[in-house]
Structures are given as structure tokens and as C-alpha cells.
Amino acid sequence: MREWAERDDLWLRRSAIISQLRHRERTNTQLLEDVIVPNLGDREFFVRKAIGWALRQYARTNPAWVRDVVTRHTDSMSGLSRREALKHL
């Protein structure tokens, strides 16, 4: 997934970002952050939406971790990703 997160193909990057959507408490947070960070500056809608979606889903399990990630990366995270991540917090 880390390799996919840095590929030119936006669909591979998106797949890497959302690969753990249903893992809940088994989510590998280091992997999640590792696939999100290289894509924070991407202007592609589907990538920005995937970042927010992955974080929003994980926020149901660990809201404090998601808030921390958003806070640490707020300057480089798109408004769309940030809004989606914090939608239910």
C-alpha cells in the first residue's frame, strides 16, 4: 500500500488510502498515515475525498487519533479532506 500511495495512477493512490476502511480497531494507523501524507497536496478530487473518507471512518473507532492527524497536517490538508475527516466529531 505504501508503494501504491506514491504511484502516478490516482486510482492506485486512492485504493491505498481507503484500503483499511472496515478494519476499525485493527486499523494500522501508521500505514494509514503513511499512505495519506504523500497525497495531502494532491488536487485530484477523488484523492482528497478518499483521505477524508478514510479518516472519517476511522474517527468512529479512534476520534482522538483522527483529530491529532488533522491538527498535525492541517496546513497541507485540503479543506475537503479536513471537513470529511471531522464531519461527525
N, C-alpha and C. Protein backbone atom coordinates (compact mmCIF):
# COMPACT_ATOMS: atom_id res chain seq x y z
N MET A 1 0.81 -1.19 0.00
CA MET A 1 0.00 0.00 0.00
C MET A 1 0.86 1.26 0.00
N ARG A 2 1.97 1.21 0.71
CA ARG A 2 2.85 2.39 0.73
C ARG A 2 3.37 2.70 -0.68
N GLU A 3 3.69 1.67 -1.44
CA GLU A 3 4.15 1.89 -2.82
C GLU A 3 3.02 2.45 -3.67
N TRP A 4 1.83 1.90 -3.52
CA TRP A 4 0.70 2.39 -4.29
C TRP A 4 0.41 3.85 -3.98
N ALA A 5 0.61 4.26 -2.74
CA ALA A 5 0.30 5.62 -2.31
C ALA A 5 1.15 6.67 -3.02
N GLU A 6 2.21 6.22 -3.67
CA GLU A 6 3.10 7.18 -4.34
C GLU A 6 3.16 6.97 -5.85
N ARG A 7 2.29 6.17 -6.38
CA ARG A 7 2.24 5.92 -7.82
C ARG A 7 1.61 7.09 -8.56
N ASP A 8 1.83 7.14 -9.87
CA ASP A 8 1.22 8.18 -10.69
C ASP A 8 -0.29 7.95 -10.86
N ASP A 9 -0.70 6.70 -10.85
CA ASP A 9 -2.10 6.34 -11.08
C ASP A 9 -2.95 6.75 -9.88
N LEU A 10 -3.85 7.69 -10.08
CA LEU A 10 -4.67 8.19 -8.97
C LEU A 10 -5.53 7.10 -8.36
N TRP A 11 -5.96 6.11 -9.14
CA TRP A 11 -6.83 5.05 -8.60
C TRP A 11 -6.04 4.12 -7.69
N LEU A 12 -4.76 3.90 -7.96
CA LEU A 12 -3.93 3.12 -7.03
C LEU A 12 -3.73 3.90 -5.74
N ARG A 13 -3.46 5.20 -5.86
CA ARG A 13 -3.29 6.03 -4.65
C ARG A 13 -4.56 6.02 -3.82
N ARG A 14 -5.68 6.18 -4.48
CA ARG A 14 -6.97 6.18 -3.78
C ARG A 14 -7.22 4.83 -3.11
N SER A 15 -6.91 3.77 -3.80
CA SER A 15 -7.09 2.42 -3.23
C SER A 15 -6.23 2.23 -1.99
N ALA A 16 -5.01 2.73 -2.03
CA ALA A 16 -4.12 2.62 -0.87
C ALA A 16 -4.72 3.37 0.32
N ILE A 17 -5.28 4.53 0.07
CA ILE A 17 -5.83 5.36 1.15
C ILE A 17 -7.05 4.70 1.79
N ILE A 18 -7.91 4.11 0.99
CA ILE A 18 -9.14 3.54 1.54
C ILE A 18 -9.03 2.04 1.83
N SER A 19 -7.86 1.49 1.74
CA SER A 19 -7.67 0.04 1.89
C SER A 19 -8.06 -0.51 3.26
N GLN A 20 -8.13 0.32 4.27
CA GLN A 20 -8.44 -0.17 5.62
C GLN A 20 -9.80 0.30 6.13
N LEU A 21 -10.66 0.72 5.25
CA LEU A 21 -11.93 1.33 5.66
C LEU A 21 -12.71 0.54 6.71
N ARG A 22 -12.77 -0.72 6.60
CA ARG A 22 -13.61 -1.53 7.50
C ARG A 22 -12.82 -2.24 8.60
N HIS A 23 -11.59 -1.88 8.78
CA HIS A 23 -10.74 -2.58 9.76
C HIS A 23 -10.99 -2.15 11.20
N ARG A 24 -11.61 -1.03 11.39
CA ARG A 24 -11.94 -0.49 12.72
C ARG A 24 -10.76 -0.56 13.68
N GLU A 25 -10.88 -1.31 14.76
CA GLU A 25 -9.82 -1.35 15.78
C GLU A 25 -8.56 -2.07 15.28
N ARG A 26 -8.64 -2.77 14.18
CA ARG A 26 -7.45 -3.42 13.60
C ARG A 26 -6.72 -2.52 12.60
N THR A 27 -7.20 -1.30 12.44
CA THR A 27 -6.56 -0.36 11.52
C THR A 27 -5.11 -0.13 11.94
N ASN A 28 -4.24 -0.22 10.97
CA ASN A 28 -2.83 0.08 11.19
C ASN A 28 -2.68 1.59 10.99
N THR A 29 -2.64 2.32 12.09
CA THR A 29 -2.63 3.79 12.00
C THR A 29 -1.36 4.31 11.35
N GLN A 30 -0.25 3.63 11.55
CA GLN A 30 0.99 4.08 10.89
C GLN A 30 0.86 3.94 9.38
N LEU A 31 0.30 2.82 8.93
CA LEU A 31 0.08 2.63 7.50
C LEU A 31 -0.91 3.67 6.97
N LEU A 32 -1.98 3.91 7.70
CA LEU A 32 -2.96 4.90 7.26
C LEU A 32 -2.31 6.27 7.08
N GLU A 33 -1.55 6.69 8.05
CA GLU A 33 -0.88 7.99 7.92
C GLU A 33 0.17 7.95 6.81
N ASP A 34 0.87 6.85 6.67
CA ASP A 34 1.90 6.72 5.63
C ASP A 34 1.33 6.82 4.22
N VAL A 35 0.09 6.39 4.01
CA VAL A 35 -0.50 6.48 2.68
C VAL A 35 -1.22 7.81 2.46
N ILE A 36 -1.60 8.46 3.54
CA ILE A 36 -2.27 9.76 3.42
C ILE A 36 -1.27 10.88 3.17
N VAL A 37 -0.21 10.92 3.94
CA VAL A 37 0.72 12.06 3.89
C VAL A 37 1.26 12.35 2.49
N PRO A 38 1.71 11.37 1.71
CA PRO A 38 2.23 11.71 0.39
C PRO A 38 1.17 12.27 -0.56
N ASN A 39 -0.08 12.16 -0.19
CA ASN A 39 -1.17 12.60 -1.06
C ASN A 39 -1.87 13.87 -0.58
N LEU A 40 -1.38 14.45 0.48
CA LEU A 40 -2.04 15.63 1.04
C LEU A 40 -2.07 16.81 0.06
N GLY A 41 -1.07 16.95 -0.76
CA GLY A 41 -1.03 18.07 -1.69
C GLY A 41 -1.71 17.80 -3.02
N ASP A 42 -2.25 16.62 -3.19
CA ASP A 42 -2.89 16.26 -4.46
C ASP A 42 -4.16 17.08 -4.65
N ARG A 43 -4.37 17.60 -5.82
CA ARG A 43 -5.54 18.43 -6.11
C ARG A 43 -6.69 17.61 -6.70
N GLU A 44 -6.45 16.32 -6.94
CA GLU A 44 -7.48 15.45 -7.51
C GLU A 44 -8.60 15.22 -6.51
N PHE A 45 -9.83 15.51 -6.92
CA PHE A 45 -11.00 15.38 -6.04
C PHE A 45 -11.08 14.00 -5.40
N PHE A 46 -10.92 12.94 -6.19
CA PHE A 46 -11.11 11.59 -5.67
C PHE A 46 -10.07 11.21 -4.63
N VAL A 47 -8.90 11.77 -4.72
CA VAL A 47 -7.86 11.52 -3.72
C VAL A 47 -8.17 12.30 -2.45
N ARG A 48 -8.53 13.55 -2.59
CA ARG A 48 -8.87 14.37 -1.42
C ARG A 48 -10.08 13.80 -0.69
N LYS A 49 -11.08 13.34 -1.44
CA LYS A 49 -12.27 12.75 -0.85
C LYS A 49 -11.91 11.44 -0.12
N ALA A 50 -11.02 10.63 -0.72
CA ALA A 50 -10.61 9.37 -0.10
C ALA A 50 -9.90 9.61 1.24
N ILE A 51 -9.08 10.64 1.30
CA ILE A 51 -8.39 10.97 2.55
C ILE A 51 -9.42 11.28 3.64
N GLY A 52 -10.36 12.13 3.31
CA GLY A 52 -11.40 12.48 4.28
C GLY A 52 -12.26 11.29 4.66
N TRP A 53 -12.58 10.45 3.69
CA TRP A 53 -13.41 9.27 3.92
C TRP A 53 -12.70 8.30 4.86
N ALA A 54 -11.43 8.02 4.59
CA ALA A 54 -10.67 7.09 5.42
C ALA A 54 -10.58 7.61 6.86
N LEU A 55 -10.30 8.88 7.00
CA LEU A 55 -10.20 9.47 8.34
C LEU A 55 -11.56 9.50 9.04
N ARG A 56 -12.61 9.85 8.32
CA ARG A 56 -13.96 9.90 8.90
C ARG A 56 -14.37 8.52 9.41
N GLN A 57 -14.12 7.48 8.62
CA GLN A 57 -14.47 6.13 9.05
C GLN A 57 -13.68 5.73 10.30
N TYR A 58 -12.39 6.03 10.32
CA TYR A 58 -11.58 5.64 11.47
C TYR A 58 -11.92 6.48 12.70
N ALA A 59 -12.46 7.67 12.49
CA ALA A 59 -12.84 8.53 13.62
C ALA A 59 -13.93 7.88 14.47
N ARG A 60 -14.67 6.97 13.90
CA ARG A 60 -15.70 6.25 14.68
C ARG A 60 -15.06 5.32 15.70
N THR A 61 -13.84 4.90 15.42
CA THR A 61 -13.11 4.00 16.30
C THR A 61 -12.15 4.75 17.21
N ASN A 62 -11.47 5.75 16.64
CA ASN A 62 -10.44 6.47 17.40
C ASN A 62 -10.47 7.96 17.04
N PRO A 63 -11.45 8.68 17.57
CA PRO A 63 -11.58 10.10 17.21
C PRO A 63 -10.37 10.95 17.63
N ALA A 64 -9.75 10.62 18.73
CA ALA A 64 -8.59 11.41 19.19
C ALA A 64 -7.45 11.30 18.19
N TRP A 65 -7.22 10.11 17.65
CA TRP A 65 -6.13 9.93 16.67
C TRP A 65 -6.42 10.75 15.41
N VAL A 66 -7.66 10.71 14.95
CA VAL A 66 -8.02 11.46 13.74
C VAL A 66 -7.87 12.96 13.97
N ARG A 67 -8.33 13.46 15.11
CA ARG A 67 -8.16 14.88 15.42
C ARG A 67 -6.67 15.26 15.41
N ASP A 68 -5.84 14.40 16.00
CA ASP A 68 -4.41 14.65 16.04
C ASP A 68 -3.80 14.71 14.64
N VAL A 69 -4.16 13.77 13.78
CA VAL A 69 -3.65 13.76 12.40
C VAL A 69 -4.08 15.02 11.67
N VAL A 70 -5.34 15.37 11.80
CA VAL A 70 -5.84 16.58 11.12
C VAL A 70 -5.12 17.82 11.65
N THR A 71 -4.92 17.90 12.94
CA THR A 71 -4.22 19.04 13.53
C THR A 71 -2.77 19.12 13.04
N ARG A 72 -2.08 18.00 13.04
CA ARG A 72 -0.67 17.99 12.61
C ARG A 72 -0.50 18.31 11.14
N HIS A 73 -1.48 17.98 10.33
CA HIS A 73 -1.35 18.16 8.88
C HIS A 73 -2.32 19.20 8.32
N THR A 74 -2.89 20.01 9.19
CA THR A 74 -3.92 20.95 8.76
C THR A 74 -3.45 21.92 7.68
N ASP A 75 -2.20 22.32 7.72
CA ASP A 75 -1.70 23.28 6.72
C ASP A 75 -1.59 22.68 5.33
N SER A 76 -1.39 21.37 5.24
CA SER A 76 -1.22 20.74 3.94
C SER A 76 -2.45 19.94 3.51
N MET A 77 -3.44 19.82 4.38
CA MET A 77 -4.64 19.05 4.08
C MET A 77 -5.68 19.95 3.42
N SER A 78 -6.31 19.46 2.38
CA SER A 78 -7.34 20.25 1.71
C SER A 78 -8.54 20.45 2.62
N GLY A 79 -9.28 21.49 2.36
CA GLY A 79 -10.49 21.75 3.12
C GLY A 79 -11.48 20.60 3.01
N LEU A 80 -11.59 20.02 1.83
CA LEU A 80 -12.49 18.89 1.62
C LEU A 80 -12.10 17.72 2.52
N SER A 81 -10.83 17.36 2.52
CA SER A 81 -10.35 16.24 3.36
C SER A 81 -10.59 16.53 4.83
N ARG A 82 -10.29 17.73 5.25
CA ARG A 82 -10.45 18.12 6.65
C ARG A 82 -11.93 18.07 7.07
N ARG A 83 -12.79 18.65 6.23
CA ARG A 83 -14.23 18.64 6.54
C ARG A 83 -14.78 17.22 6.64
N GLU A 84 -14.40 16.38 5.69
CA GLU A 84 -14.87 14.99 5.70
C GLU A 84 -14.35 14.25 6.93
N ALA A 85 -13.09 14.46 7.26
CA ALA A 85 -12.47 13.77 8.41
C ALA A 85 -13.17 14.12 9.72
N LEU A 86 -13.56 15.37 9.87
CA LEU A 86 -14.13 15.85 11.12
C LEU A 86 -15.65 15.91 11.13
N LYS A 87 -16.25 15.42 10.08
CA LYS A 87 -17.69 15.54 9.87
C LYS A 87 -18.55 15.12 11.06
N HIS A 88 -18.20 14.04 11.73
CA HIS A 88 -19.03 13.53 12.81
C HIS A 88 -18.38 13.68 14.18
N LEU A 89 -17.35 14.49 14.25
CA LEU A 89 -16.65 14.69 15.53
C LEU A 89 -17.13 15.95 16.22
